[in-house]
Protein backbone atom coordinates (compact mmCIF):
# COMPACT_ATOMS: atom_id res chain seq x y z
CA MET A 1 74.70 -110.31 59.22
CA GLU A 2 73.99 -111.79 55.88
CA GLY A 3 71.08 -114.21 55.78
CA ARG A 4 69.41 -112.71 58.88
CA PRO A 5 65.91 -111.48 58.13
CA ASP A 6 65.53 -107.68 58.31
CA PRO A 7 63.14 -106.96 61.24
CA PHE A 8 62.20 -103.60 59.81
CA ARG A 9 61.61 -104.53 56.22
CA GLN A 10 57.79 -104.63 56.61
CA GLN A 11 57.76 -101.25 58.44
CA ARG A 12 59.77 -99.68 55.59
CA HIS A 13 57.49 -101.15 53.01
CA ASP A 14 54.43 -99.95 54.89
CA ALA A 15 55.96 -96.44 55.15
CA ARG A 16 56.63 -96.24 51.37
CA PHE A 17 53.16 -97.52 50.68
CA THR A 18 51.58 -95.08 53.03
CA LEU A 19 53.56 -92.17 51.53
CA LEU A 20 52.39 -93.15 48.02
CA ALA A 21 48.70 -93.41 49.05
CA GLY A 22 49.04 -90.16 51.00
CA VAL A 23 50.35 -88.33 47.92
CA LEU A 24 47.42 -89.60 45.92
CA SER A 25 44.97 -88.58 48.58
CA VAL A 26 46.41 -85.03 48.90
CA ALA A 27 46.45 -84.62 45.13
CA ALA A 28 42.70 -85.47 44.97
CA LEU A 29 42.07 -83.01 47.86
CA LEU A 30 43.85 -80.15 46.04
CA TYR A 31 42.00 -80.87 42.81
CA TYR A 32 38.53 -80.94 44.36
CA TYR A 33 39.37 -77.98 46.58
CA ILE A 34 40.31 -75.91 43.56
CA GLU A 35 37.06 -77.03 41.91
CA GLN A 36 35.14 -76.06 45.10
CA GLU A 37 33.49 -79.53 45.27
CA LEU A 38 34.39 -80.55 48.87
CA LEU A 39 31.04 -79.52 50.25
CA LEU A 40 28.55 -80.55 47.53
CA TYR A 41 27.03 -83.35 49.65
CA GLY A 42 24.43 -81.90 52.02
CA ASP A 43 25.37 -84.68 54.48
CA ALA A 44 28.96 -83.51 54.37
CA VAL A 45 27.87 -80.01 55.31
CA ALA A 46 25.78 -81.47 58.18
CA HIS A 47 28.70 -83.62 59.46
CA ILE A 48 31.21 -80.80 59.57
CA ASN A 49 28.77 -78.37 61.20
CA ILE A 50 27.82 -80.94 63.86
CA ALA A 51 31.52 -81.05 64.77
CA ARG A 52 31.73 -77.25 64.63
CA ARG A 53 28.83 -76.93 67.03
CA VAL A 54 30.72 -78.90 69.70
CA VAL A 55 33.50 -76.30 69.80
CA ASP A 56 31.41 -73.21 68.92
CA ASN A 57 28.05 -72.91 70.60
CA ARG A 58 26.13 -70.70 73.08
CA HIS A 59 26.42 -73.07 76.05
CA PRO A 60 29.94 -74.53 76.26
CA LEU A 61 29.09 -76.65 79.32
CA LEU A 62 26.55 -78.58 77.19
CA SER A 63 28.91 -79.04 74.18
CA VAL A 64 28.67 -82.86 74.21
CA SER A 65 24.97 -82.68 73.48
CA GLU A 66 25.77 -80.94 70.21
CA LEU A 67 26.86 -84.25 68.74
CA GLY A 68 23.19 -84.90 68.12
CA THR A 69 21.26 -88.15 67.99
CA VAL A 70 20.97 -89.22 64.35
CA TRP A 71 24.56 -89.82 63.10
CA LEU A 72 27.04 -91.87 65.11
CA PRO A 73 29.66 -89.67 66.73
CA LEU A 74 33.14 -91.01 65.89
CA GLN A 75 33.60 -89.07 62.72
CA HIS A 76 32.53 -85.81 64.33
CA ILE A 77 34.89 -86.40 67.28
CA ALA A 78 37.67 -87.08 64.74
CA MET A 79 37.00 -83.61 63.21
CA LEU A 80 37.29 -81.70 66.47
CA PRO A 81 41.10 -80.97 66.35
CA PHE A 82 40.64 -79.31 62.99
CA VAL A 83 37.07 -77.82 62.81
CA TRP A 84 37.77 -75.05 65.38
CA LEU A 85 40.09 -73.46 62.87
CA GLY A 86 37.93 -71.06 60.77
CA PRO A 87 39.67 -71.62 57.36
CA LEU A 88 39.57 -75.40 57.72
CA TRP A 89 35.91 -75.30 58.73
CA ARG A 90 34.78 -72.91 56.00
CA SER A 91 36.68 -74.73 53.25
CA GLY A 92 35.57 -78.18 54.34
CA ILE A 93 39.12 -79.48 54.69
CA ALA A 94 38.45 -80.12 58.47
CA GLY A 95 36.01 -82.79 57.36
CA SER A 96 38.35 -84.16 54.67
CA ILE A 97 41.23 -85.03 57.00
CA PRO A 98 39.66 -87.98 58.87
CA GLY A 99 38.44 -89.44 55.56
CA MET A 100 41.85 -89.02 53.93
CA VAL A 101 43.60 -90.83 56.77
CA ALA A 102 40.99 -93.60 56.58
CA TYR A 103 41.54 -93.86 52.81
CA VAL A 104 45.34 -94.43 53.26
CA LEU A 105 44.70 -96.98 56.06
CA GLY A 106 42.07 -98.69 53.99
CA ALA A 107 44.42 -99.16 51.06
CA LEU A 108 47.17 -100.46 53.37
CA GLY A 109 44.70 -102.81 54.98
CA ILE A 110 43.68 -104.29 51.61
CA PHE A 111 47.33 -104.92 50.85
CA ARG A 112 47.94 -106.63 54.19
CA LEU A 113 44.80 -108.78 53.90
CA VAL A 114 45.60 -110.08 50.43
CA SER A 115 49.37 -110.46 51.01
CA GLY A 116 48.71 -113.08 53.66
CA HIS A 117 47.15 -115.40 51.08
CA ALA A 118 48.51 -114.45 47.69
CA PRO A 119 51.73 -113.25 46.00
CA ARG A 120 52.71 -109.63 46.53
CA LEU A 121 51.79 -108.77 43.01
CA ALA A 122 48.20 -109.65 43.77
CA ALA A 123 48.28 -107.62 46.96
CA TYR A 124 49.69 -104.56 45.08
CA LEU A 125 46.93 -104.93 42.49
CA ALA A 126 44.23 -105.21 45.09
CA ALA A 127 45.46 -102.11 46.87
CA ALA A 128 45.63 -100.28 43.51
CA ILE A 129 42.06 -101.19 42.61
CA TYR A 130 40.98 -99.80 45.92
CA ALA A 131 43.15 -96.69 46.03
CA PHE A 132 42.63 -95.60 42.41
CA ASN A 133 38.88 -95.96 42.42
CA PRO A 134 37.65 -92.52 41.14
CA ASN A 135 34.58 -92.52 43.35
CA LEU A 136 36.47 -93.26 46.53
CA LEU A 137 39.11 -90.73 45.54
CA TYR A 138 36.44 -88.08 45.48
CA LEU A 139 34.46 -89.26 48.52
CA GLN A 140 37.62 -89.30 50.74
CA THR A 141 38.02 -85.62 50.20
CA THR A 142 34.61 -84.84 51.59
CA ALA A 143 33.21 -84.95 55.10
CA MET A 144 31.38 -88.22 54.43
CA ASN A 145 31.89 -91.21 56.67
CA GLU A 146 31.96 -94.16 54.14
CA PRO A 147 35.79 -94.15 53.85
CA ILE A 148 36.19 -94.17 57.62
CA PHE A 149 33.82 -97.13 58.04
CA LEU A 150 35.60 -99.00 55.11
CA ALA A 151 38.95 -98.62 56.89
CA PHE A 152 37.64 -100.02 60.16
CA PHE A 153 35.81 -102.87 58.26
CA ILE A 154 38.96 -103.80 56.26
CA TRP A 155 41.26 -103.80 59.32
CA ALA A 156 38.75 -105.82 61.38
CA LEU A 157 39.04 -108.53 58.68
CA VAL A 158 42.84 -108.23 58.64
CA TYR A 159 43.03 -108.90 62.35
CA LEU A 160 40.33 -111.57 62.23
CA ASP A 161 42.35 -113.35 59.57
CA GLU A 162 45.57 -113.06 61.56
CA PHE A 163 43.76 -114.17 64.76
CA PHE A 164 42.49 -117.34 62.95
CA ARG A 165 45.93 -118.09 61.37
CA ALA A 166 47.63 -117.57 64.78
CA CYS A 167 45.18 -119.91 66.47
CA PHE A 168 45.47 -122.63 63.79
CA PRO A 169 48.92 -122.14 62.06
CA THR A 170 49.72 -124.09 58.92
CA HIS A 171 52.84 -124.30 56.84
CA ALA A 172 50.97 -123.10 53.79
CA GLN A 173 50.20 -119.66 55.28
CA THR A 174 52.47 -116.94 56.56
CA ILE A 175 51.78 -115.24 59.85
CA PRO A 176 53.14 -111.78 60.69
CA SER A 177 56.09 -112.01 63.09
CA GLY A 178 55.20 -111.49 66.66
CA THR A 179 51.47 -112.11 66.15
CA LYS A 180 49.77 -113.38 69.24
CA PRO A 181 46.22 -114.67 69.06
CA SER A 182 45.01 -112.53 71.98
CA ARG A 183 46.58 -109.34 70.51
CA ALA A 184 45.00 -109.96 67.08
CA LEU A 185 41.64 -110.63 68.71
CA GLU A 186 41.79 -107.38 70.74
CA ALA A 187 42.75 -105.38 67.68
CA CYS A 188 39.86 -106.89 65.72
CA GLY A 189 37.48 -105.94 68.54
CA ILE A 190 38.76 -102.38 68.55
CA CYS A 191 38.24 -102.05 64.76
CA LEU A 192 34.75 -103.51 65.04
CA ALA A 193 33.84 -100.95 67.79
CA GLY A 194 35.31 -98.07 65.67
CA GLY A 195 33.12 -99.15 62.76
CA ALA A 196 30.05 -99.44 65.00
CA PHE A 197 30.75 -95.92 66.27
CA THR A 198 30.93 -94.60 62.67
CA ARG A 199 28.02 -96.13 60.79
CA TYR A 200 25.06 -98.35 61.68
CA ASP A 201 26.48 -100.84 59.13
CA GLY A 202 29.07 -101.56 61.84
CA TRP A 203 26.42 -102.86 64.18
CA PHE A 204 25.51 -105.57 61.69
CA VAL A 205 29.18 -106.36 60.91
CA ALA A 206 30.10 -106.51 64.58
CA ALA A 207 27.24 -108.88 65.31
CA ALA A 208 28.16 -111.22 62.41
CA MET A 209 31.88 -111.25 63.17
CA GLY A 210 31.23 -111.60 66.89
CA LEU A 211 29.55 -114.96 66.15
CA ILE A 212 32.51 -115.97 64.07
CA LEU A 213 34.98 -115.03 66.79
CA ALA A 214 33.00 -116.99 69.30
CA TRP A 215 33.19 -120.04 67.09
CA ILE A 216 36.95 -119.63 66.57
CA VAL A 217 37.57 -119.27 70.28
CA ALA A 218 35.41 -122.28 71.08
CA VAL A 219 37.30 -124.49 68.66
CA TRP A 220 40.62 -123.21 69.85
CA TRP A 221 39.58 -123.77 73.49
CA ARG A 222 38.90 -127.46 72.82
CA ARG A 223 42.34 -127.91 71.27
CA ASN A 224 44.39 -126.15 73.94
CA ALA A 225 44.78 -127.31 77.53
CA ASP A 226 47.27 -124.74 78.74
CA ARG A 227 45.60 -122.87 81.51
CA ASN A 228 47.63 -119.64 81.14
CA ARG A 229 46.88 -119.42 77.40
CA ARG A 230 43.21 -120.19 78.06
CA ARG A 231 43.05 -117.42 80.68
CA ALA A 232 44.64 -114.89 78.34
CA MET A 233 42.28 -115.88 75.54
CA ALA A 234 39.19 -115.69 77.78
CA LYS A 235 40.21 -112.23 78.99
CA SER A 236 40.72 -110.91 75.46
CA PHE A 237 37.47 -112.43 74.18
CA LEU A 238 35.43 -111.02 77.03
CA GLU A 239 36.97 -107.59 76.51
CA VAL A 240 36.04 -107.68 72.82
CA LEU A 241 32.47 -108.75 73.60
CA LEU A 242 32.10 -106.09 76.26
CA LEU A 243 33.50 -103.30 74.17
CA ASN A 244 31.28 -104.06 71.22
CA ALA A 245 28.22 -104.56 73.40
CA LEU A 246 28.79 -101.12 75.06
CA VAL A 247 28.74 -99.32 71.66
CA PRO A 248 24.98 -99.65 71.02
CA VAL A 249 24.18 -99.45 74.73
CA PHE A 250 26.07 -96.21 75.04
CA TRP A 251 24.47 -94.74 71.97
CA LEU A 252 20.95 -95.66 73.09
CA GLY A 253 21.66 -94.06 76.47
CA PHE A 254 23.20 -90.98 74.96
CA THR A 255 20.30 -90.59 72.53
CA TYR A 256 17.81 -90.93 75.40
CA SER A 257 19.59 -88.35 77.47
CA ILE A 258 19.50 -85.81 74.60
CA SER A 259 16.06 -86.34 73.06
CA GLY A 260 14.20 -88.34 75.64
CA TYR A 261 13.76 -91.19 73.19
CA ALA A 262 16.46 -93.89 72.85
CA LEU A 263 15.41 -94.84 69.30
CA ASP A 264 15.35 -91.26 67.99
CA PHE A 265 18.00 -92.13 65.39
CA ALA A 266 15.68 -94.90 64.02
CA ASN A 267 12.22 -93.29 64.33
CA GLY A 268 12.75 -89.61 65.09
CA PRO A 269 11.89 -86.70 62.79
CA TYR A 270 15.32 -86.79 61.04
CA SER A 271 15.57 -90.61 60.71
CA ALA A 272 15.47 -92.41 57.37
CA LYS A 273 12.04 -93.75 58.23
CA ALA A 274 10.57 -90.32 58.84
CA ILE A 275 12.09 -88.95 55.59
CA ALA A 276 10.57 -91.87 53.66
CA LEU A 277 7.15 -91.35 55.27
CA ARG A 278 7.24 -87.66 54.26
CA ALA A 279 8.06 -88.60 50.67
CA ARG A 280 4.76 -90.64 50.59
CA LEU A 281 5.96 -92.52 47.51
CA PRO A 282 7.08 -96.13 47.22
CA TYR A 283 10.64 -96.64 46.03
CA PRO A 284 12.27 -99.53 44.19
CA GLY A 285 13.06 -102.43 46.45
CA GLN A 286 10.67 -101.42 49.26
CA HIS A 287 9.40 -104.63 50.88
CA ASN A 288 11.18 -106.68 48.15
CA LEU A 289 14.43 -108.11 49.21
CA TRP A 290 15.49 -109.38 45.77
CA THR A 291 14.84 -106.01 44.06
CA ALA A 292 16.63 -104.22 46.93
CA ALA A 293 19.69 -106.48 46.45
CA LEU A 294 19.69 -105.83 42.64
CA TYR A 295 19.60 -102.05 43.20
CA PHE A 296 22.47 -102.20 45.64
CA MET A 297 24.58 -104.38 43.40
CA LYS A 298 23.86 -102.04 40.46
CA ALA A 299 25.01 -99.10 42.58
CA ALA A 300 28.18 -101.05 43.39
CA LYS A 301 28.89 -101.68 39.75
CA LEU A 302 28.25 -98.04 38.81
CA ASN A 303 30.92 -97.06 41.33
CA LEU A 304 33.40 -99.07 39.31
CA GLY A 305 32.90 -97.39 35.94
CA ALA A 306 30.84 -97.49 32.80
CA GLU A 307 28.23 -100.17 32.55
CA SER A 308 30.09 -102.51 30.07
CA TRP A 309 33.43 -102.35 31.89
CA SER A 310 31.87 -102.72 35.35
CA GLN A 311 29.95 -105.75 34.26
CA VAL A 312 33.15 -107.46 33.31
CA LEU A 313 34.73 -106.65 36.68
CA PHE A 314 31.58 -107.91 38.45
CA VAL A 315 31.77 -111.24 36.65
CA ALA A 316 35.48 -111.47 37.54
CA ALA A 317 34.65 -110.78 41.18
CA LEU A 318 32.02 -113.50 41.19
CA ALA A 319 34.50 -115.94 39.69
CA GLY A 320 37.04 -114.99 42.37
CA THR A 321 34.39 -115.55 44.95
CA ALA A 322 33.74 -119.08 43.66
CA ILE A 323 37.45 -119.84 43.81
CA VAL A 324 37.59 -118.63 47.41
CA ALA A 325 34.54 -120.75 48.29
CA TRP A 326 36.39 -123.77 46.77
CA ARG A 327 39.33 -123.03 49.05
CA LEU A 328 37.05 -122.32 51.97
CA ARG A 329 39.34 -123.72 54.69
CA ARG A 330 42.17 -121.38 53.78
CA ASP A 331 40.53 -118.24 52.37
CA TRP A 332 37.13 -118.15 54.11
CA VAL A 333 37.71 -114.73 55.59
CA PHE A 334 37.45 -113.06 52.15
CA LEU A 335 33.80 -114.08 51.90
CA LEU A 336 33.03 -111.59 54.78
CA LEU A 337 33.75 -108.82 52.34
CA TRP A 338 30.24 -109.41 50.92
CA LEU A 339 28.63 -108.56 54.34
CA PRO A 340 27.40 -105.17 53.06
CA LEU A 341 25.17 -106.91 50.46
CA PRO A 342 22.73 -108.54 52.92
CA PHE A 343 22.82 -105.44 55.19
CA TYR A 344 21.89 -102.99 52.49
CA ALA A 345 19.39 -105.37 50.83
CA LEU A 346 17.62 -105.59 54.24
CA SER A 347 17.93 -101.83 54.78
CA ILE A 348 16.44 -100.97 51.41
CA ALA A 349 13.67 -103.49 51.73
CA TYR A 350 12.60 -102.93 55.32
CA GLY A 351 14.67 -99.98 56.70
CA SER A 352 13.34 -97.08 54.55
CA VAL A 353 16.73 -96.56 52.87
CA PRO A 354 16.19 -96.05 49.13
CA ILE A 355 18.84 -96.07 46.44
CA TYR A 356 18.07 -94.21 43.19
CA ILE A 357 20.36 -94.79 40.17
CA PRO A 358 20.32 -92.95 36.85
CA VAL A 359 20.11 -96.10 34.70
CA TRP A 360 17.05 -97.56 36.42
CA TYR A 361 13.82 -96.17 37.67
CA PRO A 362 13.40 -93.47 38.89
CA HIS A 363 16.46 -92.39 36.88
CA SER A 364 17.79 -90.15 39.62
CA TYR A 365 20.61 -89.98 42.15
CA TYR A 366 20.23 -90.88 45.79
CA ASN A 367 22.57 -92.85 48.06
CA VAL A 368 24.46 -94.21 44.98
CA ARG A 369 27.65 -93.88 47.07
CA TYR A 370 26.50 -96.82 49.22
CA GLY A 371 27.69 -99.08 46.42
CA LEU A 372 31.31 -98.19 47.44
CA GLU A 373 30.75 -100.59 50.45
CA LEU A 374 31.51 -103.42 48.08
CA LEU A 375 34.74 -101.91 46.75
CA PRO A 376 36.88 -104.00 49.12
CA ALA A 377 35.21 -107.11 47.72
CA PHE A 378 35.93 -106.12 44.09
CA SER A 379 39.46 -105.08 44.97
CA THR A 380 40.17 -108.44 46.55
CA PHE A 381 38.41 -111.12 44.45
CA ILE A 382 39.54 -109.78 41.02
CA PRO A 383 43.30 -110.22 41.90
CA LEU A 384 42.60 -113.61 43.47
CA LEU A 385 41.02 -114.68 40.19
CA ALA A 386 44.14 -113.59 38.36
CA VAL A 387 46.31 -115.57 40.85
CA SER A 388 44.20 -118.67 40.24
CA ILE A 389 44.56 -118.36 36.47
CA ALA A 390 48.31 -117.69 36.65
CA GLU A 391 48.79 -120.77 38.89
CA ARG A 392 47.19 -123.00 36.20
CA VAL A 393 49.33 -121.67 33.34
CA ASN A 394 52.79 -123.08 32.86
CA GLU A 395 54.17 -120.64 30.33
CA ARG A 396 55.45 -117.39 31.72
CA ALA A 397 54.23 -115.36 28.75
CA LEU A 398 50.62 -116.59 29.34
CA ARG A 399 50.84 -115.80 33.01
CA ASN A 400 51.98 -112.26 32.23
CA ALA A 401 49.22 -112.02 29.62
CA ALA A 402 46.65 -112.90 32.31
CA TRP A 403 47.92 -110.27 34.69
CA CYS A 404 48.05 -107.66 31.95
CA ALA A 405 44.43 -108.49 30.92
CA VAL A 406 43.18 -107.97 34.46
CA ILE A 407 45.14 -104.74 34.85
CA GLY A 408 43.94 -103.52 31.45
CA ILE A 409 40.20 -104.17 32.30
CA VAL A 410 40.48 -102.34 35.66
CA THR A 411 42.31 -99.45 33.97
CA GLY A 412 39.64 -99.26 31.25
CA SER A 413 36.82 -99.27 33.81
CA TYR A 414 38.33 -96.46 35.86
CA LEU A 415 39.17 -94.35 32.75
CA SER A 416 35.54 -94.74 31.72
CA ALA A 417 34.48 -93.48 35.19
CA TRP A 418 36.74 -90.43 34.81
CA ARG A 419 35.37 -89.84 31.32
CA ASP A 420 31.75 -89.89 32.46
CA THR A 421 32.57 -88.13 35.78
CA PRO A 422 32.59 -90.40 38.95
CA ILE A 423 29.03 -91.15 39.83
CA THR A 424 29.44 -90.06 43.49
CA LEU A 425 30.45 -86.60 42.15
CA ARG A 426 27.53 -86.63 39.71
CA GLU A 427 25.21 -87.45 42.59
CA ALA A 428 26.60 -84.64 44.74
CA ARG A 429 26.37 -82.11 41.91
CA ALA A 430 22.84 -83.10 40.97
CA ASN A 431 21.54 -82.93 44.54
CA SER A 432 23.37 -79.75 45.59
CA ARG A 433 22.15 -77.37 42.81
CA GLY A 434 18.95 -76.18 44.49
CA ARG A 435 20.53 -76.04 47.94
CA LEU A 436 23.52 -74.01 46.74
CA ALA A 437 21.26 -71.68 44.78
CA ILE A 438 19.78 -70.65 48.20
CA GLU A 439 22.90 -70.83 50.34
CA ARG A 440 25.35 -68.90 48.20
CA PRO A 441 23.30 -65.62 48.01
CA LEU A 442 22.21 -66.11 51.58
CA ALA A 443 25.84 -66.43 52.66
CA ASN A 444 26.82 -63.30 50.65
CA TYR A 445 24.24 -61.24 52.61
CA LEU A 446 24.89 -62.77 56.03
CA GLY A 447 28.61 -62.15 55.61
CA GLU A 448 27.90 -58.40 55.52
CA LEU A 449 26.06 -58.40 58.85
CA PRO A 450 27.77 -56.88 61.95
CA GLY A 451 29.76 -59.47 63.89
CA THR A 452 27.88 -58.83 67.09
CA ALA A 453 24.46 -59.59 65.59
CA THR A 454 22.35 -62.43 66.97
CA LEU A 455 20.64 -64.54 64.37
CA LEU A 456 17.64 -66.80 64.69
CA MET A 457 17.76 -69.68 62.13
CA TYR A 458 16.63 -73.26 61.65
CA THR A 459 19.96 -74.75 60.56
CA ALA A 460 18.85 -78.21 59.61
CA GLU A 461 18.24 -77.04 56.08
CA HIS A 462 20.82 -74.39 55.22
CA ALA A 463 23.67 -74.54 57.74
CA GLY A 464 25.97 -74.31 54.76
CA ALA A 465 25.16 -70.54 54.48
CA LEU A 466 26.50 -69.90 57.93
CA GLN A 467 29.56 -71.89 57.09
CA MET A 468 30.22 -70.02 53.89
CA ALA A 469 29.78 -66.71 55.65
CA GLY A 470 32.03 -67.78 58.54
CA ILE A 471 29.41 -66.79 61.18
CA PRO A 472 30.28 -68.15 64.60
CA ARG A 473 27.61 -70.61 65.82
CA ARG A 474 27.59 -68.94 69.23
CA HIS A 475 25.92 -65.96 67.53
CA VAL A 476 23.14 -68.17 66.14
CA ILE A 477 20.05 -69.36 67.99
CA SER A 478 19.20 -72.63 66.34
CA GLU A 479 17.31 -75.81 67.09
CA SER A 480 20.42 -77.33 68.83
CA GLU A 481 20.59 -74.55 71.38
CA HIS A 482 18.25 -75.22 74.29
CA PRO A 483 16.52 -73.44 75.99
CA ASP A 484 17.39 -70.40 73.89
CA TRP A 485 15.63 -71.84 70.88
CA GLU A 486 12.37 -72.31 72.75
CA TRP A 487 12.41 -68.80 74.14
CA ALA A 488 13.34 -67.23 70.81
CA LEU A 489 10.47 -68.98 69.00
CA LEU A 490 8.11 -67.47 71.65
CA ASP A 491 9.29 -63.92 71.02
CA PRO A 492 11.71 -63.65 68.09
CA ALA A 493 11.95 -59.82 68.16
CA ARG A 494 13.17 -59.91 71.77
CA HIS A 495 15.87 -62.49 71.29
CA ALA A 496 17.29 -61.99 67.81
CA ASP A 497 18.50 -59.09 65.69
CA PHE A 498 17.98 -60.91 62.44
CA ALA A 499 15.78 -63.94 61.57
CA ILE A 500 16.42 -66.21 58.63
CA ALA A 501 13.11 -67.87 57.87
CA CYS A 502 12.50 -70.46 55.13
CA GLN A 503 8.92 -71.08 54.21
CA GLY A 504 7.31 -73.58 56.55
CA ASP A 505 10.21 -73.99 59.01
CA PRO A 506 9.89 -73.17 62.74
CA VAL A 507 11.38 -69.65 62.36
CA TRP A 508 8.95 -68.85 59.58
CA LEU A 509 6.02 -69.96 61.76
CA ALA A 510 7.33 -67.91 64.68
CA VAL A 511 8.07 -64.71 62.77
CA GLN A 512 4.84 -64.46 60.78
CA PRO A 513 2.69 -63.39 63.75
CA GLU A 514 5.48 -60.96 64.73
CA HIS A 515 5.81 -59.51 61.17
CA ARG A 516 5.23 -55.96 62.42
CA ASP A 517 8.41 -56.10 64.48
CA PHE A 518 10.63 -57.03 61.51
CA THR A 519 11.71 -55.55 58.20
CA GLU A 520 12.14 -57.89 55.21
CA MET A 521 15.68 -57.40 53.88
CA LEU A 522 16.06 -60.13 51.26
CA SER A 523 14.03 -62.92 49.70
CA ILE A 524 15.70 -65.86 47.90
CA SER A 525 13.98 -68.58 45.85
CA ALA A 526 15.23 -71.52 43.88
CA PRO A 527 13.52 -74.47 42.10
CA GLY A 528 12.65 -77.29 44.42
CA GLN A 529 13.58 -75.27 47.51
CA SER A 530 11.53 -73.33 50.09
CA ARG A 531 11.73 -69.52 49.79
CA CYS A 532 14.01 -68.05 52.39
CA ILE A 533 13.68 -64.45 53.78
CA ILE A 534 16.09 -62.51 55.98
CA TYR A 535 14.32 -60.25 58.45
CA LYS A 536 15.84 -57.49 60.51
CA ARG A 537 14.33 -56.26 63.74
CA LYS A 538 13.01 -52.78 63.13
CA ASP A 539 14.70 -51.19 66.10
CA VAL A 540 18.17 -52.49 65.04
CA ARG A 541 20.48 -49.80 63.89
CA SER A 542 23.89 -50.21 62.17
CA GLY A 543 26.63 -50.76 64.70
CA TRP A 544 24.27 -50.98 67.70
CA PHE A 545 22.44 -54.17 68.83
CA PRO A 546 20.61 -54.08 72.14
CA LEU A 547 20.95 -57.08 74.44
CA ALA A 548 18.06 -59.56 74.35
CA ASP A 549 15.82 -59.92 77.35
CA PRO A 550 16.28 -63.57 78.45
CA LEU A 551 12.71 -63.88 79.71
CA PRO A 552 9.57 -63.42 77.62
CA ASP A 553 6.30 -61.87 78.80
CA ALA A 554 4.23 -64.38 80.74
CA ASP A 555 1.10 -63.64 78.81
CA HIS A 556 2.73 -64.05 75.30
CA GLN A 557 0.70 -66.20 72.87
CA LEU A 558 1.99 -69.79 72.69
CA ALA A 559 0.46 -70.70 69.35
CA PRO A 560 3.54 -70.00 67.16
CA MET A 561 5.67 -71.95 69.68
CA LEU A 562 3.44 -74.99 69.59
CA ALA A 563 3.28 -74.92 65.83
CA SER A 564 7.01 -74.72 65.61
CA LEU A 565 7.72 -77.64 67.93
CA CYS A 566 5.36 -79.79 65.84
CA TYR A 567 7.28 -78.90 62.73
CA HIS A 568 8.62 -81.63 60.53
CA PRO A 569 11.24 -80.61 58.02
CA PRO A 570 10.24 -80.92 54.33
CA GLU A 571 11.42 -83.86 52.25
CA ARG A 572 15.06 -83.53 51.25
CA THR A 573 15.89 -84.52 47.79
CA THR A 574 19.50 -85.33 48.48
CA GLU A 575 20.94 -86.58 51.72
CA CYS A 576 20.33 -86.82 55.42
CA ASP A 577 19.27 -90.28 56.25
CA SER A 578 20.06 -91.65 59.66
CA HIS A 579 21.61 -94.67 58.09
CA ASP A 580 24.92 -92.88 57.81
């Protein structure tokens, strides 16, 4: 009937919006796939191979332990339906799919968050600023977890906002039809838990938003005497608290069961703290909260575009923030988009998480991508500034001019980013040169080995070579395979047909005393990287590989084993900090 609201209008709109964002995401994937730039980040290689280990390992009954103890597991679990397919694993597309889905959901979430407080034009502009960001477009095609966390973070704010508006409705604000406070609260809790299972940033966000939820529930409780509604609200709130409390408890217990140390992700040999200690050099912002905040903000601006353009957008975002603060009662939820700023300032200053940017000392690239955590803030506050200006202008031409100016500045900033190459891509290229110089020739040789060969390799450094060569992980004895790893280090010649040893790693230390049992087949060196050598056991003949004896001699010397177990990996110049 005419005049009756269409109940499916919002669903159709969301479907069209999702289709458009999906097309943009797939186009970016195809471009970077053709350019062979999906696996430039060492962390991306590590993430996708952690997931691959779960479905391809030497001890299937212990597959869950292959998730490791440093990075949180949700991203790796999301890859499992795709990573078992060889072509998707080797190309890196298996790691791209979760990030691409998160990218689309994040853009949709930005639109929904802004549309509840501003005209649709502002919501479209906010979603466009988010979706068209060149750095996010690249990062969502990789196996990195920042886009996934951003999606959870954005939707947690969407549901927090809808929960607040459903609890305290006003005529000035629109509420999605059918929104119940308890449902919005539960959805918010699920998103917070998802973010907390993706990155450690999520723990900080969940704690901060948990306090806000408690305050909202307390105020609502005082204003409502209905016992049934109170019971439903109490049930939902307790479920949210329990779910988000279980995330760190589960992860501490899981980490303890795997490594014997519950804080292995914070203080273990692969943690950010251990990497910083091995570097033995102070970094900008260390023990200085203000400098740390400046470096993070600078990284955030560099993720917007060239310095002059990004500075204008930054000032506009600050102005939008001031306007939101003036309208605190109505728009306070937007201020939570700045939560990454205190988290990363604290992490840089006191958590051994450095950020290096090319325009400031030490004029390098390291963790520059963390600046993308503030992209939702820039995407939201800039359109809100435009709305505020348009509301104060009476003439339509001036209002249109204001909108065109904002759109023009954003477009110029993003075009400058494309012109200079997105900084996340520059970071990935700069930090992958040495690693790829080792892994590509290594993969070329490993790919020629017989498919039945057993390899001994420390994969924390160059797992990408196995991925490029398409070697099944069940044919590789690595540090994640227990107790095979310990036995193989005691007697490499008895357990492996080939050993890939990089100078100073556990395999290198184990093979050197047994050098008489191996023949050196290939030596690879690259600037800034440890020399890697492929050894073949001397009694191995082409097409025939004897089965390894599972038990070593009782009187075998334990010195190489002890040295290997005390090994700490060399400093990495690129990725791998437990903060991800």
